[in-house]
Amino acid sequence: MVRVAVGMSGGTDSSVAAALLKKQGYEVVGIFMEIWDGEIEISDPSRQGCYGPREQDNIASAREVAEILGIPFYTFDLRKEYKATVLDYFCDEYLSGRTPNPCIKCNRYVKFDALVEKALKSGIDYQFFATGHYARILFDDKRQRFLLKKARDRRKDQSYFLSSLTQEQLRRTLFPLGEYTKEEIRKIAAKLKLGVENRSESQDFVEANVLPLIEARAQPGPIVDQQGNVLGKHRGIPYYTVGQRQGLGIAASHPLYVTAIFPENNTIVVGSKTDVFGDELTASSVNWIAVEGLQGPMRVRARIRYNHSEAEATISSIAPNSVYVKFDRPQMAITPGQAVVFYDGDVVVGGGTIEKA
């Protein structure tokens, strides 16, 4: 019998993923990654997130679901790996004037890598790893590559956050929820009486929970306009991102937006809404999924943040694993540090990290 290790979070999606796989005839094992180290005082403990003081509640929920399903359940300590890979990266990026994407980093190097390897080394023998992500994987015989595709439920599609997964990671991964809608998953959870159908939605990274890590290192500095005139003072560059309008503390005759952040002189630049738009960017650390690499310019639909609509663009190689992206129309708030993901229909071509707008 094929054994699958399911990354369980205690929430609805991963719980139903485990249930569906067991129903399909797999031998299922539940695994949970412990990442909360308790070093940060959280101002709002009720704020649910993957990193936070409610981790023990999540473990208890996942263990209870495992008991209901009759599957083994194990927890693994990944606090060191998470701190080195996600938390330190998060802090360094914000202090460098960039806006990080911790979920993408965590998926590639912690959840689909460190957790998988630690479970295997513990003696748990399994052939596949599965999660409750909304996405689909298929093998393309013509390309001889595993493809990452959007979920059937477009409102819940999480392919953007999975765009850094390698071919080897996709080869050993299952996404049981890819063909379901969120409403269908809640109904399945209720029918199976798993007790998680009404659990809060968010299990993602909550930036407010981690900001205390960088507060002591954030220094006030000037806010200037496009001509360099000082308009006010900011609290510290980690509190700002390109495109931000609220919380600037500046009185002006028209709305002002953050247009650039310069950590070298601790300066925030603001301008009008039109100043926030741009039609080109460069991206590094590109992970190709649907193709081995670019053979020439390629037409794609590009998404520059998770809640951003895809936009028509042409991508061209400028260096190994680096690309130049030219949009057909200007896009708002192209933000260094965020991920840009390229799509061909519902197939993820690849994705990388925005370096310059």
Protein backbone atom coordinates (compact mmCIF):
# COMPACT_ATOMS: atom_id res chain seq x y z
CA MET A 1 0.00 0.00 0.00
CA VAL A 2 1.25 3.49 -0.86
CA ARG A 3 1.89 5.60 2.23
CA VAL A 4 1.32 9.36 2.26
CA ALA A 5 2.49 11.80 4.94
CA VAL A 6 0.02 14.66 5.25
CA GLY A 7 1.18 18.00 6.59
CA MET A 8 -1.59 18.76 9.08
CA SER A 9 -2.20 22.19 10.60
CA GLY A 10 -5.31 21.46 12.63
CA GLY A 11 -7.48 23.34 10.15
CA THR A 12 -10.27 22.32 7.82
CA ASP A 13 -8.27 21.93 4.61
CA SER A 14 -5.42 19.70 5.77
CA SER A 15 -7.82 17.60 7.86
CA VAL A 16 -10.05 16.89 4.88
CA ALA A 17 -6.97 16.26 2.70
CA ALA A 18 -5.99 13.45 5.07
CA ALA A 19 -9.55 12.08 5.07
CA LEU A 20 -9.81 12.10 1.28
CA LEU A 21 -6.50 10.30 0.84
CA LYS A 22 -7.49 7.61 3.32
CA LYS A 23 -10.78 7.13 1.50
CA GLN A 24 -8.84 6.76 -1.76
CA GLY A 25 -6.97 3.80 -0.27
CA TYR A 26 -3.69 5.38 0.78
CA GLU A 27 -2.03 4.57 4.08
CA VAL A 28 -2.01 7.99 5.73
CA VAL A 29 0.29 9.45 8.38
CA GLY A 30 -0.26 12.91 9.86
CA ILE A 31 2.74 15.16 10.52
CA PHE A 32 2.88 18.62 12.08
CA MET A 33 5.78 21.09 12.05
CA GLU A 34 6.37 22.97 15.31
CA ILE A 35 7.74 26.45 14.60
CA TRP A 36 6.58 28.65 17.49
CA ASP A 37 9.45 29.40 19.90
CA GLY A 38 7.60 31.74 22.26
CA GLU A 39 10.27 34.45 22.01
CA ILE A 40 7.87 37.17 20.83
CA GLU A 41 5.18 38.75 22.96
CA ILE A 42 2.10 38.75 20.74
CA SER A 43 -0.15 41.74 21.38
CA ASP A 44 -3.24 39.94 20.06
CA PRO A 45 -3.02 36.18 20.83
CA SER A 46 -6.40 35.63 19.18
CA ARG A 47 -4.89 36.52 15.80
CA GLN A 48 -4.57 33.12 14.15
CA GLY A 49 -1.49 32.38 12.10
CA CYS A 50 0.97 29.60 11.37
CA TYR A 51 3.52 31.28 13.68
CA GLY A 52 1.99 32.22 17.00
CA PRO A 53 1.09 31.18 20.55
CA ARG A 54 -1.93 29.13 19.46
CA GLU A 55 0.27 26.42 17.98
CA GLN A 56 -0.55 24.00 20.81
CA ASP A 57 -4.25 24.45 20.04
CA ASN A 58 -3.53 23.59 16.41
CA ILE A 59 -1.56 20.50 17.43
CA ALA A 60 -4.43 19.36 19.66
CA SER A 61 -6.91 19.86 16.81
CA ALA A 62 -4.75 17.95 14.32
CA ARG A 63 -4.19 15.11 16.79
CA GLU A 64 -7.94 14.85 17.44
CA VAL A 65 -8.64 14.64 13.70
CA ALA A 66 -5.97 11.94 13.36
CA GLU A 67 -7.66 9.93 16.12
CA ILE A 68 -11.02 10.25 14.39
CA LEU A 69 -9.49 9.07 11.11
CA GLY A 70 -7.52 6.33 12.84
CA ILE A 71 -4.13 7.44 11.48
CA PRO A 72 -0.78 7.91 13.25
CA PHE A 73 0.20 11.48 14.11
CA TYR A 74 3.65 12.93 14.77
CA THR A 75 5.05 16.39 15.50
CA PHE A 76 8.49 17.60 14.45
CA ASP A 77 10.50 20.46 15.90
CA LEU A 78 11.41 22.84 13.07
CA ARG A 79 11.88 25.97 15.15
CA LYS A 80 15.54 26.42 14.23
CA GLU A 81 14.91 25.83 10.55
CA TYR A 82 11.96 28.21 10.52
CA LYS A 83 13.87 30.96 12.28
CA ALA A 84 16.88 30.68 9.99
CA THR A 85 14.88 30.37 6.77
CA VAL A 86 11.75 32.44 7.31
CA LEU A 87 12.00 34.77 10.30
CA ASP A 88 15.55 35.99 9.64
CA TYR A 89 14.72 36.43 5.96
CA PHE A 90 11.55 38.35 6.86
CA CYS A 91 13.46 40.77 9.09
CA ASP A 92 16.39 41.25 6.71
CA GLU A 93 14.11 41.97 3.76
CA TYR A 94 12.04 44.59 5.56
CA LEU A 95 15.12 46.28 6.99
CA SER A 96 16.49 46.37 3.43
CA GLY A 97 13.45 48.29 2.22
CA ARG A 98 11.89 45.27 0.52
CA THR A 99 8.58 43.49 1.11
CA PRO A 100 9.13 39.77 1.72
CA ASN A 101 6.88 36.84 0.90
CA PRO A 102 7.43 34.43 3.80
CA CYS A 103 4.86 31.84 2.68
CA ILE A 104 6.71 31.13 -0.57
CA LYS A 105 10.02 30.83 1.28
CA CYS A 106 8.47 28.54 3.90
CA ASN A 107 6.88 26.24 1.32
CA ARG A 108 10.08 25.73 -0.65
CA TYR A 109 12.56 25.29 2.19
CA VAL A 110 10.63 24.33 5.34
CA LYS A 111 7.28 22.67 4.70
CA PHE A 112 8.13 20.81 1.48
CA ASP A 113 11.79 20.26 2.36
CA ALA A 114 12.91 20.34 6.01
CA LEU A 115 9.67 18.80 7.32
CA VAL A 116 9.69 16.09 4.67
CA GLU A 117 13.33 15.21 5.30
CA LYS A 118 13.00 15.23 9.09
CA ALA A 119 9.99 12.91 8.91
CA LEU A 120 11.88 10.50 6.65
CA LYS A 121 14.95 10.52 8.88
CA SER A 122 12.76 9.75 11.89
CA GLY A 123 11.95 6.39 10.31
CA ILE A 124 8.56 7.17 8.80
CA ASP A 125 8.67 5.51 5.40
CA TYR A 126 6.36 7.13 2.88
CA GLN A 127 6.23 7.74 -0.85
CA PHE A 128 4.29 11.00 -1.07
CA PHE A 129 3.80 14.18 0.90
CA ALA A 130 0.42 15.93 0.81
CA THR A 131 -1.02 19.20 2.08
CA GLY A 132 -4.34 21.02 2.09
CA HIS A 133 -3.26 23.56 -0.53
CA TYR A 134 -5.68 24.40 -3.32
CA ALA A 135 -3.69 23.57 -6.45
CA ARG A 136 -3.21 20.70 -8.90
CA ILE A 137 -0.23 18.70 -10.16
CA LEU A 138 -0.03 16.63 -13.32
CA PHE A 139 2.75 15.06 -15.36
CA ASP A 140 3.10 16.26 -18.95
CA ASP A 141 4.36 13.38 -21.12
CA LYS A 142 5.36 15.69 -23.96
CA ARG A 143 7.46 18.00 -21.79
CA GLN A 144 8.49 15.24 -19.41
CA ARG A 145 7.86 17.65 -16.56
CA PHE A 146 5.51 17.92 -13.62
CA LEU A 147 3.16 20.86 -14.03
CA LEU A 148 1.67 23.01 -11.29
CA LYS A 149 -1.84 24.17 -12.16
CA LYS A 150 -4.41 26.42 -10.58
CA ALA A 151 -7.09 24.87 -8.41
CA ARG A 152 -10.60 24.35 -9.64
CA ASP A 153 -11.74 26.87 -7.01
CA ARG A 154 -10.15 30.03 -8.40
CA ARG A 155 -11.06 32.02 -5.28
CA LYS A 156 -8.95 29.69 -3.15
CA ASP A 157 -6.20 28.93 -5.67
CA GLN A 158 -2.79 28.89 -3.97
CA SER A 159 -0.54 28.14 -6.93
CA TYR A 160 1.09 31.56 -6.47
CA PHE A 161 2.48 30.49 -3.09
CA LEU A 162 3.71 27.18 -4.52
CA SER A 163 5.56 28.64 -7.50
CA SER A 164 9.00 27.98 -5.98
CA LEU A 165 8.54 24.20 -5.71
CA THR A 166 11.07 22.16 -7.67
CA GLN A 167 10.41 19.27 -10.03
CA GLU A 168 11.54 16.83 -7.35
CA GLN A 169 9.20 18.37 -4.80
CA LEU A 170 6.27 18.28 -7.23
CA ARG A 171 7.07 14.65 -8.11
CA ARG A 172 6.51 13.51 -4.55
CA THR A 173 3.58 15.83 -3.69
CA LEU A 174 -0.19 15.34 -3.74
CA PHE A 175 -2.81 18.11 -3.51
CA PRO A 176 -6.10 16.28 -2.79
CA LEU A 177 -8.15 19.50 -2.65
CA GLY A 178 -7.27 20.73 -6.13
CA GLU A 179 -10.54 19.59 -7.71
CA TYR A 180 -12.78 20.80 -4.86
CA THR A 181 -14.27 24.12 -3.82
CA LYS A 182 -13.92 25.43 -0.29
CA GLU A 183 -17.65 24.96 0.28
CA GLU A 184 -17.39 21.31 -0.73
CA ILE A 185 -14.48 20.79 1.66
CA ARG A 186 -16.41 22.27 4.59
CA LYS A 187 -19.35 19.99 3.82
CA ILE A 188 -17.06 16.95 3.74
CA ALA A 189 -15.55 17.94 7.10
CA ALA A 190 -19.03 18.29 8.61
CA LYS A 191 -20.22 14.98 7.13
CA LEU A 192 -17.22 13.16 8.57
CA LYS A 193 -17.71 14.92 11.92
CA LEU A 194 -14.08 16.01 12.08
CA GLY A 195 -14.99 19.03 14.20
CA VAL A 196 -12.96 21.46 12.09
CA GLU A 197 -15.48 22.69 9.53
CA ASN A 198 -15.94 25.97 11.39
CA ARG A 199 -12.33 26.62 12.39
CA SER A 200 -11.00 30.06 11.46
CA GLU A 201 -9.71 30.35 7.91
CA SER A 202 -6.27 31.81 8.42
CA GLN A 203 -3.32 29.52 9.00
CA ASP A 204 -0.96 31.74 7.06
CA PHE A 205 1.88 33.98 8.13
CA VAL A 206 0.66 37.01 10.11
CA GLU A 207 3.15 39.84 9.71
CA ALA A 208 1.88 41.70 12.78
CA ASN A 209 2.96 38.73 14.91
CA VAL A 210 6.56 39.10 13.77
CA LEU A 211 7.04 42.87 13.58
CA PRO A 212 8.31 42.98 17.19
CA LEU A 213 11.45 41.24 15.91
CA ILE A 214 12.44 44.33 13.95
CA GLU A 215 10.97 47.17 16.01
CA ALA A 216 14.20 47.71 17.94
CA ARG A 217 16.16 47.96 14.69
CA ALA A 218 13.72 50.32 12.94
CA GLN A 219 14.88 53.93 12.96
CA PRO A 220 12.79 57.03 12.14
CA GLY A 221 13.76 58.98 9.03
CA PRO A 222 12.54 61.49 6.47
CA ILE A 223 9.62 61.19 4.07
CA VAL A 224 10.34 63.16 0.91
CA ASP A 225 8.48 63.97 -2.29
CA GLN A 226 9.65 63.25 -5.83
CA GLN A 227 11.85 66.35 -5.77
CA GLY A 228 13.49 65.47 -2.45
CA ASN A 229 11.57 67.96 -0.32
CA VAL A 230 11.04 66.72 3.24
CA LEU A 231 7.33 66.32 4.00
CA GLY A 232 7.44 64.47 7.30
CA LYS A 233 9.01 61.69 9.32
CA HIS A 234 8.46 57.95 9.13
CA ARG A 235 8.57 55.42 11.99
CA GLY A 236 11.07 53.13 10.29
CA ILE A 237 11.19 51.62 6.81
CA PRO A 238 9.94 48.14 7.88
CA TYR A 239 6.51 49.67 8.47
CA TYR A 240 6.10 50.77 4.85
CA THR A 241 5.73 49.17 1.45
CA VAL A 242 5.51 50.46 -2.10
CA GLY A 243 1.94 51.53 -2.92
CA GLN A 244 1.00 52.21 0.70
CA ARG A 245 -1.36 55.13 1.23
CA GLN A 246 -2.59 54.83 4.81
CA GLY A 247 -0.56 55.71 7.88
CA LEU A 248 1.85 58.21 6.30
CA GLY A 249 0.93 60.98 8.71
CA ILE A 250 1.26 63.69 6.06
CA ALA A 251 -1.30 66.38 5.33
CA ALA A 252 -1.56 67.03 1.59
CA SER A 253 -4.03 68.42 -0.91
CA HIS A 254 -4.12 65.08 -2.73
CA PRO A 255 -3.57 61.42 -1.73
CA LEU A 256 0.06 60.39 -1.36
CA TYR A 257 1.49 56.92 -1.89
CA VAL A 258 4.84 55.34 -1.10
CA THR A 259 6.69 55.15 -4.42
CA ALA A 260 10.15 54.06 -3.29
CA ILE A 261 12.13 53.05 -0.21
CA PHE A 262 15.84 53.79 0.15
CA PRO A 263 17.39 51.93 3.11
CA GLU A 264 20.86 53.35 2.41
CA ASN A 265 19.73 56.77 3.66
CA ASN A 266 16.63 55.57 5.57
CA THR A 267 14.30 57.55 3.31
CA ILE A 268 10.71 57.00 2.18
CA VAL A 269 9.67 58.64 -1.11
CA VAL A 270 6.04 59.49 -1.76
CA GLY A 271 4.13 60.72 -4.80
CA SER A 272 0.78 60.71 -6.53
CA LYS A 273 -1.03 57.56 -7.59
CA THR A 274 0.31 57.82 -11.11
CA ASP A 275 3.86 57.71 -9.71
CA VAL A 276 3.18 54.24 -8.28
CA PHE A 277 2.51 52.68 -11.69
CA GLY A 278 5.18 51.00 -13.79
CA ASP A 279 5.26 48.68 -16.79
CA GLU A 280 8.49 46.76 -16.30
CA LEU A 281 10.50 44.87 -13.70
CA THR A 282 13.43 42.54 -13.28
CA ALA A 283 13.20 39.33 -11.27
CA SER A 284 15.84 37.00 -9.87
CA SER A 285 15.92 33.45 -8.45
CA VAL A 286 13.40 32.34 -11.06
CA ASN A 287 12.16 28.79 -10.58
CA TRP A 288 10.97 27.28 -13.85
CA ILE A 289 8.22 24.67 -13.66
CA ALA A 290 6.50 24.26 -17.02
CA VAL A 291 9.73 24.82 -18.98
CA GLU A 292 13.42 24.19 -18.37
CA GLY A 293 14.17 27.81 -19.20
CA LEU A 294 13.50 30.52 -21.74
CA GLN A 295 14.58 29.91 -25.31
CA GLY A 296 13.52 33.43 -26.26
CA PRO A 297 10.90 36.05 -25.32
CA MET A 298 7.71 34.44 -24.02
CA ARG A 299 4.19 35.77 -23.65
CA VAL A 300 2.65 35.14 -20.22
CA ARG A 301 0.17 36.49 -17.75
CA ALA A 302 2.10 37.77 -14.74
CA ARG A 303 0.91 38.25 -11.16
CA ILE A 304 3.00 40.59 -8.99
CA ARG A 305 1.30 39.75 -5.68
CA TYR A 306 -1.22 37.19 -4.50
CA ASN A 307 -4.27 39.47 -4.59
CA HIS A 308 -3.21 41.14 -7.86
CA SER A 309 -4.94 40.39 -11.14
CA GLU A 310 -2.80 38.70 -13.75
CA ALA A 311 -1.60 41.00 -16.51
CA GLU A 312 -0.40 40.36 -20.05
CA ALA A 313 3.38 40.59 -20.31
CA THR A 314 6.45 39.45 -22.21
CA ILE A 315 9.34 37.88 -20.32
CA SER A 316 12.92 37.71 -21.55
CA SER A 317 16.04 36.15 -20.06
CA ILE A 318 18.73 38.59 -18.91
CA ALA A 319 20.92 36.16 -16.90
CA PRO A 320 20.70 32.60 -15.59
CA ASN A 321 17.46 32.43 -13.59
CA SER A 322 16.84 36.18 -14.01
CA VAL A 323 14.27 37.78 -16.30
CA TYR A 324 13.08 41.12 -17.59
CA VAL A 325 9.29 41.55 -17.58
CA LYS A 326 7.53 44.07 -19.82
CA PHE A 327 3.82 44.56 -19.17
CA ASP A 328 1.39 45.56 -21.89
CA ARG A 329 -0.12 48.07 -19.47
CA PRO A 330 1.29 49.79 -16.37
CA GLN A 331 0.77 47.95 -13.07
CA MET A 332 0.30 49.49 -9.66
CA ALA A 333 2.91 49.08 -6.92
CA ILE A 334 5.48 46.72 -8.39
CA THR A 335 7.23 45.88 -5.13
CA PRO A 336 10.82 44.62 -4.71
CA GLY A 337 10.94 41.50 -2.58
CA GLN A 338 7.53 40.25 -3.62
CA ALA A 339 7.09 37.27 -5.92
CA VAL A 340 6.14 37.57 -9.56
CA VAL A 341 4.54 34.43 -10.96
CA PHE A 342 4.06 33.66 -14.64
CA TYR A 343 1.04 31.78 -15.99
CA ASP A 344 0.08 30.19 -19.28
CA GLY A 345 -3.64 29.72 -18.80
CA ASP A 346 -3.98 27.74 -15.58
CA VAL A 347 -0.41 26.42 -15.72
CA VAL A 348 2.37 27.99 -13.68
CA VAL A 349 5.28 28.64 -16.03
CA GLY A 350 7.54 29.75 -13.17
CA GLY A 351 8.13 32.50 -10.67
CA GLY A 352 10.85 34.61 -9.10
CA THR A 353 11.57 37.51 -6.78
CA ILE A 354 11.04 41.10 -7.94
CA GLU A 355 14.33 43.01 -7.77
CA LYS A 356 13.62 46.34 -9.47
CA ALA A 357 10.60 48.11 -10.87
